[in-house]
Amino acid sequence: MELAPQQIAILQSLHALGFEIVAFPMYASHVGARKGNCAALLAPVEAGGFTLFGSPAYLIEGNLAVRVSDKSGSWFVWKKTRVEATPERIADLEAFAKSLTDALK
């Protein structure tokens, strides 16, 4: 992926704020931003910035999980692995999302 100088500067700024810039092979046309057990996909835009692609996610085994609810509770799920969506994990994900969106403004 070829990035504009402005996009490289944004990624450097995110890194300085503690975000790890990562790649998710299934999303080769996007840039991953990770902090702790949370991550999000960033889509490059022609104006030289990034926009969030989808919603930030909790990570399971380094993979983006989805949040699901059933009669037994709320879970983060990736393939056949699931972890409970505890209040602490949900709070971590919400704090990550706010921190990332604030940094991208």
C-alpha atoms as a PDB file:
ATOM      1  CA  MET A   1       0.000   0.000   0.000  1.00  0.00           C
ATOM      2  CA  GLU A   2       1.341   3.393  -0.935  1.00  0.00           C
ATOM      3  CA  LEU A   3       0.656   6.163   1.564  1.00  0.00           C
ATOM      4  CA  ALA A   4       0.822   9.923   1.192  1.00  0.00           C
ATOM      5  CA  PRO A   5       3.204  11.895   3.426  1.00  0.00           C
ATOM      6  CA  GLN A   6       0.203  13.211   5.396  1.00  0.00           C
ATOM      7  CA  GLN A   7      -0.955   9.643   6.068  1.00  0.00           C
ATOM      8  CA  ILE A   8       2.521   8.605   7.208  1.00  0.00           C
ATOM      9  CA  ALA A   9       2.534  11.587   9.585  1.00  0.00           C
ATOM     10  CA  ILE A  10      -0.829  10.484  10.995  1.00  0.00           C
ATOM     11  CA  LEU A  11       0.479   6.960  11.602  1.00  0.00           C
ATOM     12  CA  GLN A  12       3.593   8.364  13.298  1.00  0.00           C
ATOM     13  CA  SER A  13       1.355  10.492  15.515  1.00  0.00           C
ATOM     14  CA  LEU A  14      -0.747   7.457  16.440  1.00  0.00           C
ATOM     15  CA  HIS A  15       2.423   5.527  17.264  1.00  0.00           C
ATOM     16  CA  ALA A  16       3.585   8.370  19.510  1.00  0.00           C
ATOM     17  CA  LEU A  17       0.256   8.086  21.360  1.00  0.00           C
ATOM     18  CA  GLY A  18       0.897   4.419  22.089  1.00  0.00           C
ATOM     19  CA  PHE A  19      -0.902   2.787  19.175  1.00  0.00           C
ATOM     20  CA  GLU A  20       0.842  -0.056  17.406  1.00  0.00           C
ATOM     21  CA  ILE A  21       0.484   0.067  13.613  1.00  0.00           C
ATOM     22  CA  VAL A  22      -0.288  -3.468  12.412  1.00  0.00           C
ATOM     23  CA  ALA A  23      -1.451  -5.357   9.353  1.00  0.00           C
ATOM     24  CA  PHE A  24      -4.413  -7.712   9.210  1.00  0.00           C
ATOM     25  CA  PRO A  25      -3.859  -9.986   6.176  1.00  0.00           C
ATOM     26  CA  MET A  26      -7.588 -10.319   5.461  1.00  0.00           C
ATOM     27  CA  TYR A  27      -7.772  -6.522   5.131  1.00  0.00           C
ATOM     28  CA  ALA A  28      -4.740  -5.777   2.970  1.00  0.00           C
ATOM     29  CA  SER A  29      -6.104  -2.436   1.752  1.00  0.00           C
ATOM     30  CA  HIS A  30      -6.460  -1.118   5.311  1.00  0.00           C
ATOM     31  CA  VAL A  31      -4.061  -0.177   8.102  1.00  0.00           C
ATOM     32  CA  GLY A  32      -4.554  -1.625  11.568  1.00  0.00           C
ATOM     33  CA  ALA A  33      -4.191   0.378  14.770  1.00  0.00           C
ATOM     34  CA  ARG A  34      -3.823  -1.648  17.955  1.00  0.00           C
ATOM     35  CA  LYS A  35      -3.522  -0.818  21.626  1.00  0.00           C
ATOM     36  CA  GLY A  36      -3.713  -3.530  24.261  1.00  0.00           C
ATOM     37  CA  ASN A  37      -6.433  -6.029  23.367  1.00  0.00           C
ATOM     38  CA  CYS A  38      -8.276  -3.683  21.013  1.00  0.00           C
ATOM     39  CA  ALA A  39      -7.790  -2.779  17.364  1.00  0.00           C
ATOM     40  CA  ALA A  40      -9.409  -0.984  14.467  1.00  0.00           C
ATOM     41  CA  LEU A  41      -9.050  -0.823  10.714  1.00  0.00           C
ATOM     42  CA  LEU A  42      -8.209   2.486   9.073  1.00  0.00           C
ATOM     43  CA  ALA A  43      -9.151   3.100   5.466  1.00  0.00           C
ATOM     44  CA  PRO A  44      -6.971   5.563   3.542  1.00  0.00           C
ATOM     45  CA  VAL A  45      -8.900   8.425   1.954  1.00  0.00           C
ATOM     46  CA  GLU A  46      -7.840  10.356  -1.128  1.00  0.00           C
ATOM     47  CA  ALA A  47      -7.622  13.631   0.789  1.00  0.00           C
ATOM     48  CA  GLY A  48      -4.600  12.205   2.597  1.00  0.00           C
ATOM     49  CA  GLY A  49      -6.129  11.042   5.860  1.00  0.00           C
ATOM     50  CA  PHE A  50      -7.828   7.975   7.257  1.00  0.00           C
ATOM     51  CA  THR A  51     -11.329   7.017   8.228  1.00  0.00           C
ATOM     52  CA  LEU A  52     -12.431   4.180  10.464  1.00  0.00           C
ATOM     53  CA  PHE A  53     -13.464   1.096   8.535  1.00  0.00           C
ATOM     54  CA  GLY A  54     -16.177  -0.639  10.515  1.00  0.00           C
ATOM     55  CA  SER A  55     -16.076  -0.519  14.288  1.00  0.00           C
ATOM     56  CA  PRO A  56     -13.156  -0.969  16.655  1.00  0.00           C
ATOM     57  CA  ALA A  57     -12.921  -4.558  17.868  1.00  0.00           C
ATOM     58  CA  TYR A  58     -11.671  -6.648  20.741  1.00  0.00           C
ATOM     59  CA  LEU A  59      -8.847  -8.992  19.775  1.00  0.00           C
ATOM     60  CA  ILE A  60      -8.896 -12.747  20.248  1.00  0.00           C
ATOM     61  CA  GLU A  61      -5.654 -14.525  19.384  1.00  0.00           C
ATOM     62  CA  GLY A  62      -4.606 -11.395  17.470  1.00  0.00           C
ATOM     63  CA  ASN A  63      -7.757 -11.422  15.329  1.00  0.00           C
ATOM     64  CA  LEU A  64     -10.645  -8.972  15.157  1.00  0.00           C
ATOM     65  CA  ALA A  65     -13.603 -10.385  17.075  1.00  0.00           C
ATOM     66  CA  VAL A  66     -17.266  -9.480  16.811  1.00  0.00           C
ATOM     67  CA  ARG A  67     -19.559  -8.876  19.760  1.00  0.00           C
ATOM     68  CA  VAL A  68     -22.599 -11.103  20.000  1.00  0.00           C
ATOM     69  CA  SER A  69     -25.280 -11.639  22.599  1.00  0.00           C
ATOM     70  CA  ASP A  70     -27.311 -14.732  23.330  1.00  0.00           C
ATOM     71  CA  LYS A  71     -29.346 -16.063  26.227  1.00  0.00           C
ATOM     72  CA  SER A  72     -26.155 -16.903  28.128  1.00  0.00           C
ATOM     73  CA  GLY A  73     -24.680 -13.394  27.891  1.00  0.00           C
ATOM     74  CA  SER A  74     -22.565 -11.096  25.757  1.00  0.00           C
ATOM     75  CA  TRP A  75     -19.410 -12.362  24.064  1.00  0.00           C
ATOM     76  CA  PHE A  76     -16.545 -11.386  21.811  1.00  0.00           C
ATOM     77  CA  VAL A  77     -16.248 -14.126  19.190  1.00  0.00           C
ATOM     78  CA  TRP A  78     -13.655 -15.094  16.601  1.00  0.00           C
ATOM     79  CA  LYS A  79     -14.282 -18.344  14.753  1.00  0.00           C
ATOM     80  CA  LYS A  80     -15.009 -20.915  17.480  1.00  0.00           C
ATOM     81  CA  THR A  81     -13.270 -18.983  20.259  1.00  0.00           C
ATOM     82  CA  ARG A  82     -15.190 -16.642  22.496  1.00  0.00           C
ATOM     83  CA  VAL A  83     -14.479 -14.577  25.563  1.00  0.00           C
ATOM     84  CA  GLU A  84     -17.046 -12.955  27.789  1.00  0.00           C
ATOM     85  CA  ALA A  85     -17.755  -9.309  27.053  1.00  0.00           C
ATOM     86  CA  THR A  86     -17.177  -8.260  30.655  1.00  0.00           C
ATOM     87  CA  PRO A  87     -17.762  -4.673  31.766  1.00  0.00           C
ATOM     88  CA  GLU A  88     -13.971  -4.248  31.933  1.00  0.00           C
ATOM     89  CA  ARG A  89     -13.436  -5.467  28.352  1.00  0.00           C
ATOM     90  CA  ILE A  90     -16.286  -3.316  27.085  1.00  0.00           C
ATOM     91  CA  ALA A  91     -14.858  -0.286  28.907  1.00  0.00           C
ATOM     92  CA  ASP A  92     -11.411  -0.994  27.413  1.00  0.00           C
ATOM     93  CA  LEU A  93     -12.902  -1.155  23.922  1.00  0.00           C
ATOM     94  CA  GLU A  94     -14.889   2.051  24.417  1.00  0.00           C
ATOM     95  CA  ALA A  95     -11.817   3.885  25.748  1.00  0.00           C
ATOM     96  CA  PHE A  96      -9.759   2.599  22.801  1.00  0.00           C
ATOM     97  CA  ALA A  97     -12.413   3.758  20.311  1.00  0.00           C
ATOM     98  CA  LYS A  98     -12.619   7.229  21.869  1.00  0.00           C
ATOM     99  CA  SER A  99      -8.844   7.586  22.027  1.00  0.00           C
ATOM    100  CA  LEU A 100      -8.463   6.573  18.379  1.00  0.00           C
ATOM    101  CA  THR A 101     -11.274   8.754  17.044  1.00  0.00           C
ATOM    102  CA  ASP A 102      -9.948  11.730  19.026  1.00  0.00           C
ATOM    103  CA  ALA A 103      -6.465  11.143  17.583  1.00  0.00           C
ATOM    104  CA  LEU A 104      -7.826  11.022  14.031  1.00  0.00           C
ATOM    105  CA  LYS A 105      -9.630  14.390  14.281  1.00  0.00           C
END
